[in-house]
């Protein structure tokens, strides 16, 4: 375990540069990171299981707030899009 930790510490800067590089689209970043560094897959999955547990009230509260914020923004966008459409002229026969 010590040897792995030491190697990870030595490669920290290069991992950080890879993760922050513009070469990877932000939405693809998690997948690309786990492909490049499969040693983190188990750690990440373990952390996600802890975070998503039904008993994690902080996570649940945060997700509810994010959903409410997202819903509010979508509603606003829909109303603005409809309001910005130019009125259609009635065809005079």
Protein backbone atom coordinates (compact mmCIF):
# COMPACT_ATOMS: atom_id res chain seq x y z
CA UNK A 1 0.00 0.00 0.00
CA UNK A 2 2.85 2.40 0.79
CA UNK A 3 4.38 1.85 -2.66
CA UNK A 4 1.09 2.67 -4.40
CA UNK A 5 0.64 5.79 -2.28
CA UNK A 6 4.18 6.90 -3.08
CA UNK A 7 3.62 6.41 -6.83
CA UNK A 8 0.34 8.30 -6.71
CA UNK A 9 2.05 11.18 -4.91
CA UNK A 10 4.79 11.29 -7.55
CA UNK A 11 2.26 11.43 -10.37
CA UNK A 12 -0.04 13.96 -8.70
CA UNK A 13 1.03 16.93 -10.85
CA UNK A 14 0.66 15.07 -14.13
CA UNK A 15 -2.79 13.78 -13.09
CA UNK A 16 -3.87 17.28 -12.11
CA UNK A 17 -2.72 18.68 -15.48
CA UNK A 18 -4.54 15.89 -17.33
CA UNK A 19 -7.75 16.42 -15.37
CA UNK A 20 -7.70 20.20 -15.82
CA UNK A 21 -6.61 20.17 -19.46
CA UNK A 22 -8.83 21.59 -22.17
CA UNK A 23 -8.26 18.42 -24.20
CA UNK A 24 -11.17 16.75 -22.42
CA UNK A 25 -14.72 18.06 -22.57
CA UNK A 26 -16.04 18.70 -19.08
CA UNK A 27 -18.95 16.27 -19.48
CA UNK A 28 -16.51 13.51 -20.55
CA UNK A 29 -13.99 14.21 -17.79
CA UNK A 30 -15.16 11.66 -15.17
CA UNK A 31 -15.19 8.79 -17.67
CA UNK A 32 -11.81 9.76 -19.15
CA UNK A 33 -10.28 10.08 -15.69
CA UNK A 34 -11.42 6.60 -14.67
CA UNK A 35 -10.22 5.18 -17.99
CA UNK A 36 -6.79 6.77 -17.55
CA UNK A 37 -6.56 5.96 -13.82
CA UNK A 38 -8.51 2.73 -13.19
CA UNK A 39 -6.94 2.47 -9.74
CA UNK A 40 -9.37 5.19 -8.60
CA UNK A 41 -12.50 3.38 -9.83
CA UNK A 42 -13.02 1.37 -6.64
CA UNK A 43 -12.38 4.39 -4.43
CA UNK A 44 -14.80 6.55 -6.41
CA UNK A 45 -17.51 3.91 -6.44
CA UNK A 46 -17.12 3.38 -2.68
CA UNK A 47 -17.41 7.13 -2.10
CA UNK A 48 -20.50 7.35 -4.32
CA UNK A 49 -22.18 4.57 -2.36
CA UNK A 50 -21.56 6.46 0.86
CA UNK A 51 -22.81 9.75 -0.62
CA UNK A 52 -25.97 8.32 -2.17
CA UNK A 53 -27.07 6.32 0.87
CA UNK A 54 -30.69 7.07 1.79
CA UNK A 55 -29.54 8.03 5.28
CA UNK A 56 -27.27 10.82 3.98
CA UNK A 57 -29.59 13.76 4.67
CA UNK A 58 -27.04 16.36 3.52
CA UNK A 59 -26.84 14.78 0.07
CA UNK A 60 -30.62 14.44 -0.20
CA UNK A 61 -31.12 18.07 0.80
CA UNK A 62 -28.49 19.23 -1.69
CA UNK A 63 -30.12 17.25 -4.51
CA UNK A 64 -33.54 18.70 -3.68
CA UNK A 65 -32.09 22.21 -3.82
CA UNK A 66 -30.38 21.48 -7.14
CA UNK A 67 -33.61 20.08 -8.58
CA UNK A 68 -35.60 23.11 -7.45
CA UNK A 69 -32.99 25.46 -8.92
CA UNK A 70 -32.91 23.52 -12.20
CA UNK A 71 -36.72 23.44 -12.43
CA UNK A 72 -36.86 27.19 -11.80
CA UNK A 73 -34.30 27.88 -14.53
CA UNK A 74 -36.12 25.63 -17.01
CA UNK A 75 -39.41 27.37 -16.29
CA UNK A 76 -37.79 30.78 -16.73
CA UNK A 77 -36.17 29.69 -20.00
CA UNK A 78 -39.48 28.35 -21.32
CA UNK A 79 -41.35 31.56 -20.47
CA UNK A 80 -38.60 33.76 -21.93
CA UNK A 81 -38.41 31.71 -25.13
CA UNK A 82 -42.15 32.01 -25.59
CA UNK A 83 -42.10 35.75 -24.79
CA UNK A 84 -39.25 36.39 -27.23
CA UNK A 85 -41.07 34.84 -30.19
CA UNK A 86 -42.42 37.50 -32.46
CA UNK A 87 -46.18 37.56 -32.69
CA UNK A 88 -47.53 35.88 -35.80
CA UNK A 89 -49.44 38.05 -38.15
CA UNK A 90 -52.84 36.91 -39.16
CA UNK A 91 -53.17 36.35 -42.85
CA UNK A 92 -55.69 38.76 -44.33
CA UNK A 93 -57.55 37.01 -47.10
